[in-house]
Amino acid sequence: LTMFKNYLNWYKEFKVDEIHLYKVPHIKEVYQNYPRTYHKTDKLGRPIYIEMISMINIDKILDIIDEDGLVKMMVKDYEYYKKVRLPACSKAAGKAIEQ
């Protein structure tokens, strides 16, 4: 219960409901140094996430964007995943895709 309450407090304080409005500064440069993407779906209809770990340049990323901005970018991406990607996969699969 405590963890859930802490989560709800964080969600509210972090303004996750408004995160779609956040503009990631220098997004092209961030993605050049943090190559990742989704590509098609697996046999169960779930989106396949690809992250090219060997090509991540965290020092360069942190020169471009601070840690708070990086967290906001990740939360924004995950909210998009939940609200757009998963429903699209569910529609394509004809069943609920929830992960």
PDB file of N, CA and C in Angstrom:
ATOM      1  N   LEU A   1       0.823  -1.191   0.000  1.00  0.00           N
ATOM      2  CA  LEU A   1       0.000   0.000   0.000  1.00  0.00           C
ATOM      3  C   LEU A   1       0.871   1.260   0.000  1.00  0.00           C
ATOM      4  N   THR A   2       1.944   1.219   0.796  1.00  0.00           N
ATOM      5  CA  THR A   2       2.855   2.375   0.851  1.00  0.00           C
ATOM      6  C   THR A   2       3.493   2.629  -0.501  1.00  0.00           C
ATOM      7  N   MET A   3       3.935   1.548  -1.166  1.00  0.00           N
ATOM      8  CA  MET A   3       4.561   1.703  -2.487  1.00  0.00           C
ATOM      9  C   MET A   3       3.576   2.292  -3.490  1.00  0.00           C
ATOM     10  N   PHE A   4       2.328   1.832  -3.435  1.00  0.00           N
ATOM     11  CA  PHE A   4       1.328   2.333  -4.367  1.00  0.00           C
ATOM     12  C   PHE A   4       1.030   3.806  -4.104  1.00  0.00           C
ATOM     13  N   LYS A   5       0.936   4.185  -2.845  1.00  0.00           N
ATOM     14  CA  LYS A   5       0.713   5.590  -2.497  1.00  0.00           C
ATOM     15  C   LYS A   5       1.888   6.449  -2.959  1.00  0.00           C
ATOM     16  N   ASN A   6       3.107   5.941  -2.772  1.00  0.00           N
ATOM     17  CA  ASN A   6       4.289   6.668  -3.232  1.00  0.00           C
ATOM     18  C   ASN A   6       4.265   6.845  -4.751  1.00  0.00           C
ATOM     19  N   TYR A   7       3.838   5.795  -5.448  1.00  0.00           N
ATOM     20  CA  TYR A   7       3.727   5.868  -6.899  1.00  0.00           C
ATOM     21  C   TYR A   7       2.715   6.942  -7.307  1.00  0.00           C
ATOM     22  N   LEU A   8       1.551   6.934  -6.655  1.00  0.00           N
ATOM     23  CA  LEU A   8       0.524   7.924  -6.990  1.00  0.00           C
ATOM     24  C   LEU A   8       1.006   9.345  -6.723  1.00  0.00           C
ATOM     25  N   ASN A   9       1.737   9.531  -5.635  1.00  0.00           N
ATOM     26  CA  ASN A   9       2.309  10.852  -5.335  1.00  0.00           C
ATOM     27  C   ASN A   9       3.314  11.258  -6.396  1.00  0.00           C
ATOM     28  N   TRP A  10       4.199  10.322  -6.778  1.00  0.00           N
ATOM     29  CA  TRP A  10       5.199  10.612  -7.819  1.00  0.00           C
ATOM     30  C   TRP A  10       4.497  10.952  -9.130  1.00  0.00           C
ATOM     31  N   TYR A  11       3.505  10.165  -9.490  1.00  0.00           N
ATOM     32  CA  TYR A  11       2.765  10.368 -10.742  1.00  0.00           C
ATOM     33  C   TYR A  11       2.190  11.782 -10.795  1.00  0.00           C
ATOM     34  N   LYS A  12       1.625  12.204  -9.688  1.00  0.00           N
ATOM     35  CA  LYS A  12       1.029  13.544  -9.617  1.00  0.00           C
ATOM     36  C   LYS A  12       2.105  14.631  -9.632  1.00  0.00           C
ATOM     37  N   GLU A  13       3.142  14.484  -8.816  1.00  0.00           N
ATOM     38  CA  GLU A  13       4.210  15.480  -8.731  1.00  0.00           C
ATOM     39  C   GLU A  13       4.989  15.595 -10.040  1.00  0.00           C
ATOM     40  N   PHE A  14       5.177  14.467 -10.716  1.00  0.00           N
ATOM     41  CA  PHE A  14       5.927  14.443 -11.981  1.00  0.00           C
ATOM     42  C   PHE A  14       5.062  14.926 -13.143  1.00  0.00           C
ATOM     43  N   LYS A  15       3.756  15.064 -12.901  1.00  0.00           N
ATOM     44  CA  LYS A  15       2.798  15.530 -13.910  1.00  0.00           C
ATOM     45  C   LYS A  15       2.786  14.628 -15.149  1.00  0.00           C
ATOM     46  N   VAL A  16       2.698  13.338 -14.899  1.00  0.00           N
ATOM     47  CA  VAL A  16       2.726  12.374 -15.993  1.00  0.00           C
ATOM     48  C   VAL A  16       1.577  12.586 -16.968  1.00  0.00           C
ATOM     49  N   ASP A  17       0.431  13.023 -16.482  1.00  0.00           N
ATOM     50  CA  ASP A  17      -0.706  13.272 -17.371  1.00  0.00           C
ATOM     51  C   ASP A  17      -0.418  14.384 -18.382  1.00  0.00           C
ATOM     52  N   GLU A  18       0.574  15.216 -18.100  1.00  0.00           N
ATOM     53  CA  GLU A  18       0.936  16.318 -19.004  1.00  0.00           C
ATOM     54  C   GLU A  18       2.251  16.069 -19.736  1.00  0.00           C
ATOM     55  N   ILE A  19       2.842  14.900 -19.553  1.00  0.00           N
ATOM     56  CA  ILE A  19       4.182  14.635 -20.087  1.00  0.00           C
ATOM     57  C   ILE A  19       4.209  14.677 -21.619  1.00  0.00           C
ATOM     58  N   HIS A  20       3.078  14.430 -22.260  1.00  0.00           N
ATOM     59  CA  HIS A  20       3.040  14.483 -23.724  1.00  0.00           C
ATOM     60  C   HIS A  20       3.358  15.885 -24.251  1.00  0.00           C
ATOM     61  N   LEU A  21       3.229  16.891 -23.410  1.00  0.00           N
ATOM     62  CA  LEU A  21       3.537  18.268 -23.805  1.00  0.00           C
ATOM     63  C   LEU A  21       5.027  18.587 -23.720  1.00  0.00           C
ATOM     64  N   TYR A  22       5.794  17.721 -23.047  1.00  0.00           N
ATOM     65  CA  TYR A  22       7.230  17.961 -22.857  1.00  0.00           C
ATOM     66  C   TYR A  22       7.965  17.846 -24.191  1.00  0.00           C
ATOM     67  N   LYS A  23       8.721  18.852 -24.503  1.00  0.00           N
ATOM     68  CA  LYS A  23       9.543  18.846 -25.719  1.00  0.00           C
ATOM     69  C   LYS A  23      10.974  18.478 -25.322  1.00  0.00           C
ATOM     70  N   VAL A  24      11.427  17.334 -25.787  1.00  0.00           N
ATOM     71  CA  VAL A  24      12.774  16.889 -25.461  1.00  0.00           C
ATOM     72  C   VAL A  24      13.769  17.785 -26.187  1.00  0.00           C
ATOM     73  N   PRO A  25      14.656  18.459 -25.439  1.00  0.00           N
ATOM     74  CA  PRO A  25      15.627  19.336 -26.101  1.00  0.00           C
ATOM     75  C   PRO A  25      16.624  18.531 -26.928  1.00  0.00           C
ATOM     76  N   HIS A  26      16.908  19.008 -28.113  1.00  0.00           N
ATOM     77  CA  HIS A  26      17.920  18.391 -28.988  1.00  0.00           C
ATOM     78  C   HIS A  26      17.647  16.908 -29.194  1.00  0.00           C
ATOM     79  N   ILE A  27      16.394  16.565 -29.463  1.00  0.00           N
ATOM     80  CA  ILE A  27      15.979  15.171 -29.558  1.00  0.00           C
ATOM     81  C   ILE A  27      16.768  14.382 -30.606  1.00  0.00           C
ATOM     82  N   LYS A  28      17.083  15.002 -31.740  1.00  0.00           N
ATOM     83  CA  LYS A  28      17.834  14.280 -32.779  1.00  0.00           C
ATOM     84  C   LYS A  28      19.212  13.864 -32.280  1.00  0.00           C
ATOM     85  N   GLU A  29      19.886  14.765 -31.574  1.00  0.00           N
ATOM     86  CA  GLU A  29      21.209  14.448 -31.043  1.00  0.00           C
ATOM     87  C   GLU A  29      21.129  13.377 -29.955  1.00  0.00           C
ATOM     88  N   VAL A  30      20.073  13.442 -29.148  1.00  0.00           N
ATOM     89  CA  VAL A  30      19.900  12.413 -28.108  1.00  0.00           C
ATOM     90  C   VAL A  30      19.743  11.056 -28.769  1.00  0.00           C
ATOM     91  N   TYR A  31      18.863  10.949 -29.766  1.00  0.00           N
ATOM     92  CA  TYR A  31      18.638   9.664 -30.427  1.00  0.00           C
ATOM     93  C   TYR A  31      19.853   9.183 -31.222  1.00  0.00           C
ATOM     94  N   GLN A  32      20.668  10.086 -31.701  1.00  0.00           N
ATOM     95  CA  GLN A  32      21.900   9.663 -32.384  1.00  0.00           C
ATOM     96  C   GLN A  32      22.840   8.959 -31.412  1.00  0.00           C
ATOM     97  N   ASN A  33      22.792   9.367 -30.164  1.00  0.00           N
ATOM     98  CA  ASN A  33      23.671   8.785 -29.150  1.00  0.00           C
ATOM     99  C   ASN A  33      22.973   7.725 -28.302  1.00  0.00           C
ATOM    100  N   TYR A  34      21.689   7.535 -28.527  1.00  0.00           N
ATOM    101  CA  TYR A  34      20.913   6.531 -27.800  1.00  0.00           C
ATOM    102  C   TYR A  34      20.001   5.833 -28.806  1.00  0.00           C
ATOM    103  N   PRO A  35      20.596   5.030 -29.693  1.00  0.00           N
ATOM    104  CA  PRO A  35      19.810   4.401 -30.751  1.00  0.00           C
ATOM    105  C   PRO A  35      18.899   3.298 -30.214  1.00  0.00           C
ATOM    106  N   ARG A  36      17.612   3.481 -30.454  1.00  0.00           N
ATOM    107  CA  ARG A  36      16.603   2.515 -30.028  1.00  0.00           C
ATOM    108  C   ARG A  36      15.375   2.705 -30.876  1.00  0.00           C
ATOM    109  N   THR A  37      14.589   1.645 -30.987  1.00  0.00           N
ATOM    110  CA  THR A  37      13.387   1.717 -31.802  1.00  0.00           C
ATOM    111  C   THR A  37      12.471   0.538 -31.495  1.00  0.00           C
ATOM    112  N   TYR A  38      11.280   0.588 -32.002  1.00  0.00           N
ATOM    113  CA  TYR A  38      10.373  -0.553 -32.007  1.00  0.00           C
ATOM    114  C   TYR A  38      10.311  -1.049 -33.436  1.00  0.00           C
ATOM    115  N   HIS A  39      10.241  -2.366 -33.609  1.00  0.00           N
ATOM    116  CA  HIS A  39      10.179  -2.919 -34.960  1.00  0.00           C
ATOM    117  C   HIS A  39       9.240  -4.122 -34.979  1.00  0.00           C
ATOM    118  N   LYS A  40       8.136  -3.959 -35.603  1.00  0.00           N
ATOM    119  CA  LYS A  40       7.130  -4.999 -35.770  1.00  0.00           C
ATOM    120  C   LYS A  40       6.661  -5.557 -34.428  1.00  0.00           C
ATOM    121  N   THR A  41       6.149  -6.788 -34.456  1.00  0.00           N
ATOM    122  CA  THR A  41       5.651  -7.429 -33.236  1.00  0.00           C
ATOM    123  C   THR A  41       6.121  -8.877 -33.180  1.00  0.00           C
ATOM    124  N   ASP A  42       6.081  -9.444 -31.970  1.00  0.00           N
ATOM    125  CA  ASP A  42       6.431 -10.851 -31.829  1.00  0.00           C
ATOM    126  C   ASP A  42       5.212 -11.723 -32.168  1.00  0.00           C
ATOM    127  N   LYS A  43       5.340 -13.053 -31.989  1.00  0.00           N
ATOM    128  CA  LYS A  43       4.256 -13.973 -32.344  1.00  0.00           C
ATOM    129  C   LYS A  43       2.987 -13.757 -31.527  1.00  0.00           C
ATOM    130  N   LEU A  44       3.120 -13.135 -30.349  1.00  0.00           N
ATOM    131  CA  LEU A  44       1.959 -12.882 -29.507  1.00  0.00           C
ATOM    132  C   LEU A  44       1.348 -11.507 -29.767  1.00  0.00           C
ATOM    133  N   GLY A  45       1.951 -10.737 -30.682  1.00  0.00           N
ATOM    134  CA  GLY A  45       1.420  -9.424 -31.026  1.00  0.00           C
ATOM    135  C   GLY A  45       2.017  -8.274 -30.232  1.00  0.00           C
ATOM    136  N   ARG A  46       3.009  -8.571 -29.385  1.00  0.00           N
ATOM    137  CA  ARG A  46       3.630  -7.521 -28.561  1.00  0.00           C
ATOM    138  C   ARG A  46       4.681  -6.764 -29.371  1.00  0.00           C
ATOM    139  N   PRO A  47       4.801  -5.454 -29.169  1.00  0.00           N
ATOM    140  CA  PRO A  47       5.818  -4.681 -29.890  1.00  0.00           C
ATOM    141  C   PRO A  47       7.220  -5.148 -29.502  1.00  0.00           C
ATOM    142  N   ILE A  48       8.097  -5.201 -30.480  1.00  0.00           N
ATOM    143  CA  ILE A  48       9.489  -5.593 -30.231  1.00  0.00           C
ATOM    144  C   ILE A  48      10.321  -4.322 -30.087  1.00  0.00           C
ATOM    145  N   TYR A  49      10.962  -4.187 -28.939  1.00  0.00           N
ATOM    146  CA  TYR A  49      11.796  -3.018 -28.634  1.00  0.00           C
ATOM    147  C   TYR A  49      13.251  -3.402 -28.852  1.00  0.00           C
ATOM    148  N   ILE A  50      13.952  -2.585 -29.610  1.00  0.00           N
ATOM    149  CA  ILE A  50      15.366  -2.831 -29.900  1.00  0.00           C
ATOM    150  C   ILE A  50      16.168  -1.645 -29.389  1.00  0.00           C
ATOM    151  N   GLU A  51      17.152  -1.941 -28.558  1.00  0.00           N
ATOM    152  CA  GLU A  51      18.047  -0.916 -28.031  1.00  0.00           C
ATOM    153  C   GLU A  51      19.472  -1.361 -28.340  1.00  0.00           C
ATOM    154  N   MET A  52      20.203  -0.534 -29.052  1.00  0.00           N
ATOM    155  CA  MET A  52      21.561  -0.886 -29.448  1.00  0.00           C
ATOM    156  C   MET A  52      22.543  -0.414 -28.364  1.00  0.00           C
ATOM    157  N   ILE A  53      22.650  -1.238 -27.332  1.00  0.00           N
ATOM    158  CA  ILE A  53      23.405  -0.877 -26.132  1.00  0.00           C
ATOM    159  C   ILE A  53      24.858  -0.530 -26.438  1.00  0.00           C
ATOM    160  N   SER A  54      25.468  -1.269 -27.338  1.00  0.00           N
ATOM    161  CA  SER A  54      26.887  -1.018 -27.631  1.00  0.00           C
ATOM    162  C   SER A  54      27.115   0.351 -28.276  1.00  0.00           C
ATOM    163  N   MET A  55      26.060   0.970 -28.796  1.00  0.00           N
ATOM    164  CA  MET A  55      26.198   2.260 -29.462  1.00  0.00           C
ATOM    165  C   MET A  55      25.764   3.436 -28.583  1.00  0.00           C
ATOM    166  N   ILE A  56      25.311   3.156 -27.346  1.00  0.00           N
ATOM    167  CA  ILE A  56      24.889   4.230 -26.449  1.00  0.00           C
ATOM    168  C   ILE A  56      26.112   4.989 -25.947  1.00  0.00           C
ATOM    169  N   ASN A  57      26.060   6.303 -26.048  1.00  0.00           N
ATOM    170  CA  ASN A  57      27.135   7.151 -25.556  1.00  0.00           C
ATOM    171  C   ASN A  57      26.559   8.024 -24.444  1.00  0.00           C
ATOM    172  N   ILE A  58      26.553   7.478 -23.224  1.00  0.00           N
ATOM    173  CA  ILE A  58      25.892   8.161 -22.113  1.00  0.00           C
ATOM    174  C   ILE A  58      26.553   9.502 -21.788  1.00  0.00           C
ATOM    175  N   ASP A  59      27.870   9.590 -21.928  1.00  0.00           N
ATOM    176  CA  ASP A  59      28.545  10.863 -21.658  1.00  0.00           C
ATOM    177  C   ASP A  59      28.050  11.948 -22.611  1.00  0.00           C
ATOM    178  N   LYS A  60      27.938  11.620 -23.875  1.00  0.00           N
ATOM    179  CA  LYS A  60      27.465  12.581 -24.869  1.00  0.00           C
ATOM    180  C   LYS A  60      25.986  12.930 -24.615  1.00  0.00           C
ATOM    181  N   ILE A  61      25.194  11.918 -24.252  1.00  0.00           N
ATOM    182  CA  ILE A  61      23.779  12.160 -23.955  1.00  0.00           C
ATOM    183  C   ILE A  61      23.645  13.162 -22.813  1.00  0.00           C
ATOM    184  N   LEU A  62      24.425  12.947 -21.753  1.00  0.00           N
ATOM    185  CA  LEU A  62      24.345  13.836 -20.589  1.00  0.00           C
ATOM    186  C   LEU A  62      24.954  15.212 -20.855  1.00  0.00           C
ATOM    187  N   ASP A  63      25.740  15.331 -21.925  1.00  0.00           N
ATOM    188  CA  ASP A  63      26.195  16.657 -22.365  1.00  0.00           C
ATOM    189  C   ASP A  63      25.040  17.402 -23.059  1.00  0.00           C
ATOM    190  N   ILE A  64      24.140  16.635 -23.685  1.00  0.00           N
ATOM    191  CA  ILE A  64      23.045  17.201 -24.456  1.00  0.00           C
ATOM    192  C   ILE A  64      21.834  17.494 -23.574  1.00  0.00           C
ATOM    193  N   ILE A  65      21.517  16.567 -22.676  1.00  0.00           N
ATOM    194  CA  ILE A  65      20.309  16.652 -21.865  1.00  0.00           C
ATOM    195  C   ILE A  65      20.649  16.237 -20.436  1.00  0.00           C
ATOM    196  N   ASP A  66      20.049  16.896 -19.457  1.00  0.00           N
ATOM    197  CA  ASP A  66      20.352  16.520 -18.068  1.00  0.00           C
ATOM    198  C   ASP A  66      19.549  15.280 -17.669  1.00  0.00           C
ATOM    199  N   GLU A  67      19.861  14.756 -16.499  1.00  0.00           N
ATOM    200  CA  GLU A  67      19.231  13.515 -16.041  1.00  0.00           C
ATOM    201  C   GLU A  67      17.711  13.658 -15.930  1.00  0.00           C
ATOM    202  N   ASP A  68      17.244  14.793 -15.439  1.00  0.00           N
ATOM    203  CA  ASP A  68      15.813  15.029 -15.314  1.00  0.00           C
ATOM    204  C   ASP A  68      15.142  14.992 -16.689  1.00  0.00           C
ATOM    205  N   GLY A  69      15.768  15.606 -17.670  1.00  0.00           N
ATOM    206  CA  GLY A  69      15.227  15.600 -19.028  1.00  0.00           C
ATOM    207  C   GLY A  69      15.207  14.207 -19.618  1.00  0.00           C
ATOM    208  N   LEU A  70      16.229  13.418 -19.302  1.00  0.00           N
ATOM    209  CA  LEU A  70      16.298  12.051 -19.787  1.00  0.00           C
ATOM    210  C   LEU A  70      15.176  11.205 -19.180  1.00  0.00           C
ATOM    211  N   VAL A  71      14.926  11.391 -17.899  1.00  0.00           N
ATOM    212  CA  VAL A  71      13.823  10.677 -17.239  1.00  0.00           C
ATOM    213  C   VAL A  71      12.490  11.104 -17.852  1.00  0.00           C
ATOM    214  N   LYS A  72      12.309  12.392 -18.078  1.00  0.00           N
ATOM    215  CA  LYS A  72      11.070  12.871 -18.703  1.00  0.00           C
ATOM    216  C   LYS A  72      10.894  12.271 -20.098  1.00  0.00           C
ATOM    217  N   MET A  73      11.977  12.168 -20.846  1.00  0.00           N
ATOM    218  CA  MET A  73      11.923  11.576 -22.180  1.00  0.00           C
ATOM    219  C   MET A  73      11.475  10.121 -22.095  1.00  0.00           C
ATOM    220  N   MET A  74      12.018   9.380 -21.135  1.00  0.00           N
ATOM    221  CA  MET A  74      11.659   7.967 -20.978  1.00  0.00           C
ATOM    222  C   MET A  74      10.204   7.818 -20.551  1.00  0.00           C
ATOM    223  N   VAL A  75       9.760   8.639 -19.616  1.00  0.00           N
ATOM    224  CA  VAL A  75       8.365   8.571 -19.166  1.00  0.00           C
ATOM    225  C   VAL A  75       7.437   8.930 -20.324  1.00  0.00           C
ATOM    226  N   LYS A  76       7.790   9.953 -21.091  1.00  0.00           N
ATOM    227  CA  LYS A  76       6.987  10.344 -22.247  1.00  0.00           C
ATOM    228  C   LYS A  76       6.899   9.192 -23.245  1.00  0.00           C
ATOM    229  N   ASP A  77       8.020   8.548 -23.519  1.00  0.00           N
ATOM    230  CA  ASP A  77       8.037   7.418 -24.445  1.00  0.00           C
ATOM    231  C   ASP A  77       7.175   6.266 -23.938  1.00  0.00           C
ATOM    232  N   TYR A  78       7.236   5.992 -22.643  1.00  0.00           N
ATOM    233  CA  TYR A  78       6.461   4.889 -22.106  1.00  0.00           C
ATOM    234  C   TYR A  78       4.963   5.211 -22.103  1.00  0.00           C
ATOM    235  N   GLU A  79       4.615   6.444 -21.829  1.00  0.00           N
ATOM    236  CA  GLU A  79       3.211   6.831 -21.895  1.00  0.00           C
ATOM    237  C   GLU A  79       2.685   6.681 -23.327  1.00  0.00           C
ATOM    238  N   TYR A  80       3.499   7.036 -24.312  1.00  0.00           N
ATOM    239  CA  TYR A  80       3.117   6.842 -25.710  1.00  0.00           C
ATOM    240  C   TYR A  80       2.928   5.354 -25.997  1.00  0.00           C
ATOM    241  N   TYR A  81       3.828   4.550 -25.458  1.00  0.00           N
ATOM    242  CA  TYR A  81       3.752   3.099 -25.609  1.00  0.00           C
ATOM    243  C   TYR A  81       2.414   2.582 -25.068  1.00  0.00           C
ATOM    244  N   LYS A  82       2.043   3.032 -23.869  1.00  0.00           N
ATOM    245  CA  LYS A  82       0.801   2.578 -23.239  1.00  0.00           C
ATOM    246  C   LYS A  82      -0.443   3.082 -23.961  1.00  0.00           C
ATOM    247  N   LYS A  83      -0.408   4.332 -24.399  1.00  0.00           N
ATOM    248  CA  LYS A  83      -1.619   4.963 -24.922  1.00  0.00           C
ATOM    249  C   LYS A  83      -1.791   4.843 -26.430  1.00  0.00           C
ATOM    250  N   VAL A  84      -0.708   4.581 -27.149  1.00  0.00           N
ATOM    251  CA  VAL A  84      -0.800   4.524 -28.613  1.00  0.00           C
ATOM    252  C   VAL A  84      -0.342   3.168 -29.156  1.00  0.00           C
ATOM    253  N   ARG A  85       0.864   2.772 -28.791  1.00  0.00           N
ATOM    254  CA  ARG A  85       1.442   1.553 -29.357  1.00  0.00           C
ATOM    255  C   ARG A  85       0.653   0.290 -28.966  1.00  0.00           C
ATOM    256  N   LEU A  86       0.399   0.115 -27.667  1.00  0.00           N
ATOM    257  CA  LEU A  86      -0.313  -1.087 -27.226  1.00  0.00           C
ATOM    258  C   LEU A  86      -1.740  -1.154 -27.786  1.00  0.00           C
ATOM    259  N   PRO A  87      -2.498  -0.054 -27.780  1.00  0.00           N
ATOM    260  CA  PRO A  87      -3.826  -0.132 -28.409  1.00  0.00           C
ATOM    261  C   PRO A  87      -3.756  -0.472 -29.906  1.00  0.00           C
ATOM    262  N   ALA A  88      -2.764   0.052 -30.617  1.00  0.00           N
ATOM    263  CA  ALA A  88      -2.619  -0.267 -32.041  1.00  0.00           C
ATOM    264  C   ALA A  88      -2.290  -1.747 -32.230  1.00  0.00           C
ATOM    265  N   CYS A  89      -1.429  -2.269 -31.376  1.00  0.00           N
ATOM    266  CA  CYS A  89      -1.090  -3.691 -31.453  1.00  0.00           C
ATOM    267  C   CYS A  89      -2.297  -4.547 -31.099  1.00  0.00           C
ATOM    268  N   SER A  90      -3.076  -4.105 -30.126  1.00  0.00           N
ATOM    269  CA  SER A  90      -4.286  -4.827 -29.736  1.00  0.00           C
ATOM    270  C   SER A  90      -5.275  -4.884 -30.897  1.00  0.00           C
ATOM    271  N   LYS A  91      -5.441  -3.763 -31.562  1.00  0.00           N
ATOM    272  CA  LYS A  91      -6.359  -3.706 -32.696  1.00  0.00           C
ATOM    273  C   LYS A  91      -5.885  -4.640 -33.812  1.00  0.00           C
ATOM    274  N   ALA A  92      -4.584  -4.596 -34.100  1.00  0.00           N
ATOM    275  CA  ALA A  92      -4.030  -5.439 -35.166  1.00  0.00           C
ATOM    276  C   ALA A  92      -4.131  -6.926 -34.820  1.00  0.00           C
ATOM    277  N   ALA A  93      -3.948  -7.261 -33.548  1.00  0.00           N
ATOM    278  CA  ALA A  93      -3.980  -8.666 -33.121  1.00  0.00           C
ATOM    279  C   ALA A  93      -5.404  -9.167 -32.877  1.00  0.00           C
ATOM    280  N   GLY A  94      -6.337  -8.247 -32.736  1.00  0.00           N
ATOM    281  CA  GLY A  94      -7.713  -8.647 -32.448  1.00  0.00           C
ATOM    282  C   GLY A  94      -7.910  -9.130 -31.020  1.00  0.00           C
ATOM    283  N   LYS A  95      -6.986  -8.765 -30.153  1.00  0.00           N
ATOM    284  CA  LYS A  95      -7.073  -9.144 -28.733  1.00  0.00           C
ATOM    285  C   LYS A  95      -6.266  -8.128 -27.937  1.00  0.00           C
ATOM    286  N   ALA A  96      -6.487  -8.109 -26.646  1.00  0.00           N
ATOM    287  CA  ALA A  96      -5.775  -7.156 -25.781  1.00  0.00           C
ATOM    288  C   ALA A  96      -4.293  -7.509 -25.683  1.00  0.00           C
ATOM    289  N   ILE A  97      -3.456  -6.543 -26.010  1.00  0.00           N
ATOM    290  CA  ILE A  97      -2.008  -6.667 -25.835  1.00  0.00           C
ATOM    291  C   ILE A  97      -1.659  -5.695 -24.720  1.00  0.00           C
ATOM    292  N   GLU A  98      -1.223  -6.227 -23.591  1.00  0.00           N
ATOM    293  CA  GLU A  98      -1.056  -5.394 -22.407  1.00  0.00           C
ATOM    294  C   GLU A  98       0.380  -5.259 -21.916  1.00  0.00           C
ATOM    295  N   GLN A  99       1.355  -5.818 -22.601  1.00  0.00           N
ATOM    296  CA  GLN A  99       2.726  -5.683 -22.128  1.00  0.00           C
ATOM    297  C   GLN A  99       3.684  -5.391 -23.248  1.00  0.00           C
TER     298      GLN A  99
END
